[in-house]
Amino acid sequence: MGNIMLITETSLPKAKFLFNLIKYCYPRRYRTFINLHSDNLIQWSSKDTYLRNLRELEEKGIIKRYYSYKVDKFSKSIKTSWQFKDTGNAILVDNRAPEEEDFEDTIKASYKP
């Protein structure tokens, strides 16, 4: 979580966007390319801001975007340079993944008041 806040310069909307992007990429992390539909990106931010968020992450070297796609066949793809942690370092509550795997719950599970 600390890396997300550093990369996004503590911008809550950008942090939520990056959190959801990394969460989406995690189970796909061993793929060469990760196909990512714009509907997901819009859901994580908005139609007006998702491209700006992607450009900023690309400028910071977090992702690389690829522009080939085929309508109704496959979406545009990205490649991430995120350093995924070992599953032994996962954020757990009572030895389980947080129930509501959203940004706020992960923050609560990660840090104590």
N, C-alpha and C. Protein backbone atom coordinates (compact mmCIF):
# COMPACT_ATOMS: atom_id res chain seq x y z
N MET A 1 0.82 -1.20 0.00
CA MET A 1 0.00 0.00 0.00
C MET A 1 0.86 1.25 0.00
N GLY A 2 1.99 1.18 0.69
CA GLY A 2 2.86 2.34 0.75
C GLY A 2 3.37 2.75 -0.62
N ASN A 3 3.71 1.77 -1.46
CA ASN A 3 4.19 2.07 -2.81
C ASN A 3 3.11 2.75 -3.63
N ILE A 4 1.88 2.31 -3.48
CA ILE A 4 0.78 2.92 -4.23
C ILE A 4 0.64 4.38 -3.85
N MET A 5 0.71 4.69 -2.56
CA MET A 5 0.57 6.07 -2.12
C MET A 5 1.75 6.93 -2.58
N LEU A 6 2.95 6.37 -2.60
CA LEU A 6 4.11 7.12 -3.08
C LEU A 6 4.01 7.41 -4.57
N ILE A 7 3.64 6.41 -5.34
CA ILE A 7 3.56 6.56 -6.79
C ILE A 7 2.49 7.58 -7.18
N THR A 8 1.37 7.54 -6.47
CA THR A 8 0.25 8.43 -6.81
C THR A 8 0.32 9.76 -6.08
N GLU A 9 1.41 9.97 -5.33
CA GLU A 9 1.62 11.21 -4.59
C GLU A 9 0.44 11.54 -3.68
N THR A 10 -0.05 10.52 -3.02
CA THR A 10 -1.16 10.54 -2.04
C THR A 10 -2.47 11.10 -2.60
N SER A 11 -2.65 10.99 -3.90
CA SER A 11 -3.93 11.37 -4.51
C SER A 11 -4.87 10.18 -4.35
N LEU A 12 -5.93 10.35 -3.57
CA LEU A 12 -6.85 9.24 -3.30
C LEU A 12 -7.48 8.67 -4.57
N PRO A 13 -8.00 9.47 -5.51
CA PRO A 13 -8.56 8.88 -6.73
C PRO A 13 -7.53 8.09 -7.55
N LYS A 14 -6.31 8.62 -7.64
CA LYS A 14 -5.27 7.92 -8.39
C LYS A 14 -4.83 6.66 -7.66
N ALA A 15 -4.78 6.73 -6.33
CA ALA A 15 -4.40 5.56 -5.53
C ALA A 15 -5.42 4.44 -5.70
N LYS A 16 -6.70 4.78 -5.68
CA LYS A 16 -7.74 3.77 -5.89
C LYS A 16 -7.62 3.15 -7.28
N PHE A 17 -7.35 3.98 -8.28
CA PHE A 17 -7.19 3.49 -9.65
C PHE A 17 -6.02 2.51 -9.73
N LEU A 18 -4.87 2.90 -9.20
CA LEU A 18 -3.70 2.02 -9.24
C LEU A 18 -3.92 0.75 -8.42
N PHE A 19 -4.56 0.88 -7.27
CA PHE A 19 -4.87 -0.29 -6.45
C PHE A 19 -5.70 -1.30 -7.25
N ASN A 20 -6.76 -0.83 -7.90
CA ASN A 20 -7.61 -1.73 -8.68
C ASN A 20 -6.88 -2.31 -9.89
N LEU A 21 -6.03 -1.53 -10.51
CA LEU A 21 -5.25 -2.02 -11.64
C LEU A 21 -4.31 -3.13 -11.20
N ILE A 22 -3.60 -2.92 -10.10
CA ILE A 22 -2.67 -3.93 -9.59
C ILE A 22 -3.43 -5.17 -9.12
N LYS A 23 -4.56 -4.96 -8.49
CA LYS A 23 -5.39 -6.09 -8.04
C LYS A 23 -5.85 -6.92 -9.24
N TYR A 24 -6.19 -6.26 -10.34
CA TYR A 24 -6.61 -6.95 -11.56
C TYR A 24 -5.43 -7.70 -12.19
N CYS A 25 -4.27 -7.09 -12.17
CA CYS A 25 -3.09 -7.69 -12.79
C CYS A 25 -2.50 -8.84 -11.99
N TYR A 26 -2.69 -8.84 -10.68
CA TYR A 26 -2.03 -9.84 -9.84
C TYR A 26 -2.26 -11.28 -10.30
N PRO A 27 -3.50 -11.73 -10.49
CA PRO A 27 -3.67 -13.12 -10.91
C PRO A 27 -3.20 -13.38 -12.35
N ARG A 28 -2.94 -12.32 -13.10
CA ARG A 28 -2.50 -12.44 -14.49
C ARG A 28 -1.02 -12.08 -14.64
N ARG A 29 -0.31 -11.94 -13.55
CA ARG A 29 1.04 -11.39 -13.54
C ARG A 29 2.05 -12.19 -14.35
N TYR A 30 1.82 -13.47 -14.60
CA TYR A 30 2.78 -14.27 -15.34
C TYR A 30 2.53 -14.25 -16.85
N ARG A 31 1.48 -13.60 -17.27
CA ARG A 31 1.21 -13.47 -18.70
C ARG A 31 2.17 -12.46 -19.32
N THR A 32 2.46 -12.65 -20.59
CA THR A 32 3.32 -11.69 -21.28
C THR A 32 2.62 -10.34 -21.38
N PHE A 33 1.35 -10.36 -21.76
CA PHE A 33 0.54 -9.15 -21.86
C PHE A 33 -0.76 -9.37 -21.10
N ILE A 34 -1.27 -8.30 -20.52
CA ILE A 34 -2.54 -8.37 -19.79
C ILE A 34 -3.56 -7.58 -20.58
N ASN A 35 -4.59 -8.25 -21.07
CA ASN A 35 -5.66 -7.58 -21.80
C ASN A 35 -6.56 -6.87 -20.80
N LEU A 36 -6.84 -5.62 -21.11
CA LEU A 36 -7.57 -4.79 -20.16
C LEU A 36 -8.61 -3.98 -20.91
N HIS A 37 -9.87 -4.28 -20.66
CA HIS A 37 -10.96 -3.58 -21.34
C HIS A 37 -11.18 -2.22 -20.71
N SER A 38 -11.50 -1.26 -21.53
CA SER A 38 -11.70 0.10 -21.04
C SER A 38 -12.86 0.20 -20.05
N ASP A 39 -13.83 -0.71 -20.12
CA ASP A 39 -14.92 -0.69 -19.14
C ASP A 39 -14.39 -0.83 -17.72
N ASN A 40 -13.38 -1.68 -17.53
CA ASN A 40 -12.78 -1.82 -16.20
C ASN A 40 -12.11 -0.53 -15.78
N LEU A 41 -11.37 0.06 -16.67
CA LEU A 41 -10.66 1.31 -16.35
C LEU A 41 -11.63 2.42 -15.99
N ILE A 42 -12.72 2.51 -16.73
CA ILE A 42 -13.74 3.53 -16.45
C ILE A 42 -14.40 3.27 -15.10
N GLN A 43 -14.62 2.02 -14.78
CA GLN A 43 -15.22 1.66 -13.48
C GLN A 43 -14.29 2.06 -12.33
N TRP A 44 -12.97 1.95 -12.53
CA TRP A 44 -12.02 2.27 -11.48
C TRP A 44 -11.77 3.76 -11.34
N SER A 45 -12.09 4.54 -12.36
CA SER A 45 -11.92 6.00 -12.24
C SER A 45 -13.11 6.68 -12.88
N SER A 46 -12.99 7.13 -14.10
CA SER A 46 -14.11 7.69 -14.84
C SER A 46 -13.73 7.76 -16.31
N LYS A 47 -14.71 8.00 -17.13
CA LYS A 47 -14.46 8.10 -18.56
C LYS A 47 -13.52 9.25 -18.88
N ASP A 48 -13.58 10.30 -18.06
CA ASP A 48 -12.77 11.49 -18.30
C ASP A 48 -11.33 11.37 -17.77
N THR A 49 -11.09 10.48 -16.81
CA THR A 49 -9.77 10.47 -16.16
C THR A 49 -8.94 9.21 -16.39
N TYR A 50 -9.51 8.13 -16.88
CA TYR A 50 -8.74 6.89 -16.93
C TYR A 50 -7.56 6.97 -17.88
N LEU A 51 -7.69 7.66 -19.01
CA LEU A 51 -6.56 7.79 -19.94
C LEU A 51 -5.42 8.61 -19.33
N ARG A 52 -5.77 9.67 -18.63
CA ARG A 52 -4.75 10.48 -17.96
C ARG A 52 -4.02 9.65 -16.90
N ASN A 53 -4.78 8.85 -16.14
CA ASN A 53 -4.17 7.99 -15.13
C ASN A 53 -3.21 6.98 -15.77
N LEU A 54 -3.62 6.38 -16.89
CA LEU A 54 -2.76 5.43 -17.58
C LEU A 54 -1.50 6.11 -18.11
N ARG A 55 -1.65 7.30 -18.68
CA ARG A 55 -0.48 8.03 -19.19
C ARG A 55 0.52 8.34 -18.07
N GLU A 56 0.01 8.75 -16.92
CA GLU A 56 0.89 9.05 -15.79
C GLU A 56 1.62 7.80 -15.32
N LEU A 57 0.93 6.67 -15.26
CA LEU A 57 1.57 5.42 -14.85
C LEU A 57 2.60 4.98 -15.88
N GLU A 58 2.31 5.24 -17.15
CA GLU A 58 3.26 4.90 -18.20
C GLU A 58 4.50 5.79 -18.11
N GLU A 59 4.31 7.06 -17.86
CA GLU A 59 5.44 7.98 -17.70
C GLU A 59 6.32 7.60 -16.52
N LYS A 60 5.72 7.05 -15.48
CA LYS A 60 6.48 6.65 -14.29
C LYS A 60 7.08 5.25 -14.43
N GLY A 61 6.83 4.59 -15.56
CA GLY A 61 7.40 3.27 -15.81
C GLY A 61 6.69 2.12 -15.12
N ILE A 62 5.49 2.36 -14.61
CA ILE A 62 4.74 1.31 -13.92
C ILE A 62 4.09 0.36 -14.93
N ILE A 63 3.61 0.92 -16.03
CA ILE A 63 2.99 0.10 -17.08
C ILE A 63 3.56 0.49 -18.43
N LYS A 64 3.40 -0.41 -19.39
CA LYS A 64 3.66 -0.12 -20.79
C LYS A 64 2.39 -0.49 -21.52
N ARG A 65 1.89 0.44 -22.31
CA ARG A 65 0.65 0.21 -23.05
C ARG A 65 0.96 -0.22 -24.47
N TYR A 66 0.12 -1.12 -24.97
CA TYR A 66 0.19 -1.58 -26.36
C TYR A 66 -1.12 -1.22 -27.03
N TYR A 67 -1.06 -0.83 -28.26
CA TYR A 67 -2.22 -0.23 -28.90
C TYR A 67 -2.92 -1.11 -29.92
N SER A 68 -2.49 -2.34 -30.08
CA SER A 68 -3.18 -3.21 -31.02
C SER A 68 -4.40 -3.83 -30.34
N TYR A 69 -5.48 -3.89 -31.04
CA TYR A 69 -6.69 -4.52 -30.54
C TYR A 69 -7.58 -4.85 -31.73
N LYS A 70 -8.58 -5.67 -31.47
CA LYS A 70 -9.53 -6.03 -32.50
C LYS A 70 -10.92 -5.93 -31.90
N VAL A 71 -11.78 -5.17 -32.54
CA VAL A 71 -13.12 -4.93 -32.02
C VAL A 71 -13.84 -6.27 -31.84
N ASP A 72 -14.43 -6.44 -30.67
CA ASP A 72 -15.18 -7.65 -30.29
C ASP A 72 -14.33 -8.92 -30.25
N LYS A 73 -13.01 -8.80 -30.33
CA LYS A 73 -12.13 -9.97 -30.26
C LYS A 73 -11.22 -9.90 -29.04
N PHE A 74 -10.43 -8.85 -28.95
CA PHE A 74 -9.58 -8.67 -27.78
C PHE A 74 -9.32 -7.18 -27.56
N SER A 75 -9.10 -6.85 -26.31
CA SER A 75 -8.91 -5.45 -25.93
C SER A 75 -7.43 -5.08 -25.98
N LYS A 76 -7.17 -3.80 -25.77
CA LYS A 76 -5.78 -3.35 -25.71
C LYS A 76 -5.09 -4.01 -24.53
N SER A 77 -3.79 -4.08 -24.62
CA SER A 77 -3.06 -4.79 -23.57
C SER A 77 -2.02 -3.88 -22.92
N ILE A 78 -1.62 -4.29 -21.73
CA ILE A 78 -0.57 -3.59 -21.00
C ILE A 78 0.42 -4.62 -20.48
N LYS A 79 1.55 -4.13 -20.09
CA LYS A 79 2.55 -4.93 -19.39
C LYS A 79 2.94 -4.10 -18.18
N THR A 80 3.05 -4.74 -17.03
CA THR A 80 3.36 -4.00 -15.81
C THR A 80 4.74 -4.35 -15.30
N SER A 81 5.39 -3.37 -14.71
CA SER A 81 6.70 -3.60 -14.08
C SER A 81 6.56 -3.65 -12.56
N TRP A 82 5.34 -3.81 -12.08
CA TRP A 82 5.07 -3.84 -10.65
C TRP A 82 5.80 -5.02 -10.01
N GLN A 83 6.42 -4.77 -8.87
CA GLN A 83 7.12 -5.82 -8.13
C GLN A 83 6.12 -6.49 -7.18
N PHE A 84 5.47 -7.55 -7.67
CA PHE A 84 4.48 -8.25 -6.87
C PHE A 84 5.17 -8.98 -5.73
N LYS A 85 4.56 -8.92 -4.56
CA LYS A 85 5.12 -9.56 -3.38
C LYS A 85 4.75 -11.04 -3.37
N ASP A 86 5.50 -11.78 -2.60
CA ASP A 86 5.22 -13.18 -2.39
C ASP A 86 3.87 -13.31 -1.68
N THR A 87 3.13 -14.36 -1.98
CA THR A 87 1.81 -14.54 -1.35
C THR A 87 1.93 -14.66 0.17
N GLY A 88 3.10 -15.01 0.67
CA GLY A 88 3.31 -15.08 2.11
C GLY A 88 3.25 -13.71 2.77
N ASN A 89 3.39 -12.64 1.97
CA ASN A 89 3.32 -11.28 2.50
C ASN A 89 1.98 -10.62 2.21
N ALA A 90 0.98 -11.39 1.89
CA ALA A 90 -0.33 -10.85 1.56
C ALA A 90 -0.97 -10.20 2.78
N ILE A 91 -1.85 -9.26 2.51
CA ILE A 91 -2.60 -8.59 3.58
C ILE A 91 -3.76 -9.49 3.96
N LEU A 92 -3.75 -9.96 5.19
CA LEU A 92 -4.77 -10.90 5.66
C LEU A 92 -5.42 -10.39 6.92
N VAL A 93 -6.68 -10.72 7.08
CA VAL A 93 -7.42 -10.45 8.31
C VAL A 93 -7.88 -11.81 8.81
N ASP A 94 -7.42 -12.20 10.01
CA ASP A 94 -7.70 -13.53 10.55
C ASP A 94 -7.31 -14.62 9.57
N ASN A 95 -6.12 -14.47 8.98
CA ASN A 95 -5.56 -15.43 8.00
C ASN A 95 -6.40 -15.59 6.75
N ARG A 96 -7.20 -14.59 6.41
CA ARG A 96 -8.01 -14.60 5.19
C ARG A 96 -7.84 -13.27 4.47
N ALA A 97 -8.12 -13.29 3.17
CA ALA A 97 -8.12 -12.04 2.41
C ALA A 97 -9.26 -11.17 2.93
N PRO A 98 -9.08 -9.85 2.94
CA PRO A 98 -10.16 -8.98 3.40
C PRO A 98 -11.45 -9.26 2.64
N GLU A 99 -12.56 -9.31 3.35
CA GLU A 99 -13.84 -9.68 2.74
C GLU A 99 -14.19 -8.77 1.57
N GLU A 100 -14.24 -7.51 1.81
CA GLU A 100 -14.52 -6.55 0.75
C GLU A 100 -13.17 -6.10 0.22
N GLU A 101 -12.71 -6.72 -0.80
CA GLU A 101 -11.36 -6.45 -1.28
C GLU A 101 -11.29 -5.11 -2.00
N ASP A 102 -11.73 -4.07 -1.34
CA ASP A 102 -11.63 -2.76 -1.95
C ASP A 102 -10.53 -1.96 -1.26
N PHE A 103 -10.28 -0.79 -1.76
CA PHE A 103 -9.17 0.03 -1.31
C PHE A 103 -9.27 0.37 0.18
N GLU A 104 -10.44 0.80 0.62
CA GLU A 104 -10.61 1.22 2.02
C GLU A 104 -10.37 0.06 2.98
N ASP A 105 -10.89 -1.12 2.67
CA ASP A 105 -10.71 -2.26 3.55
C ASP A 105 -9.25 -2.71 3.61
N THR A 106 -8.57 -2.59 2.49
CA THR A 106 -7.16 -2.96 2.47
C THR A 106 -6.34 -1.98 3.29
N ILE A 107 -6.69 -0.70 3.23
CA ILE A 107 -6.00 0.29 4.06
C ILE A 107 -6.22 -0.02 5.54
N LYS A 108 -7.46 -0.33 5.91
CA LYS A 108 -7.76 -0.66 7.31
C LYS A 108 -6.99 -1.88 7.77
N ALA A 109 -6.86 -2.88 6.89
CA ALA A 109 -6.15 -4.10 7.26
C ALA A 109 -4.64 -3.89 7.30
N SER A 110 -4.14 -2.91 6.56
CA SER A 110 -2.71 -2.68 6.45
C SER A 110 -2.15 -1.84 7.58
N TYR A 111 -2.93 -0.90 8.06
CA TYR A 111 -2.43 0.06 9.04
C TYR A 111 -3.32 0.12 10.26
N LYS A 112 -2.68 0.34 11.38
CA LYS A 112 -3.42 0.51 12.63
C LYS A 112 -3.52 2.00 12.94
N PRO A 113 -4.60 2.42 13.62
CA PRO A 113 -4.72 3.85 13.96
C PRO A 113 -3.58 4.34 14.83
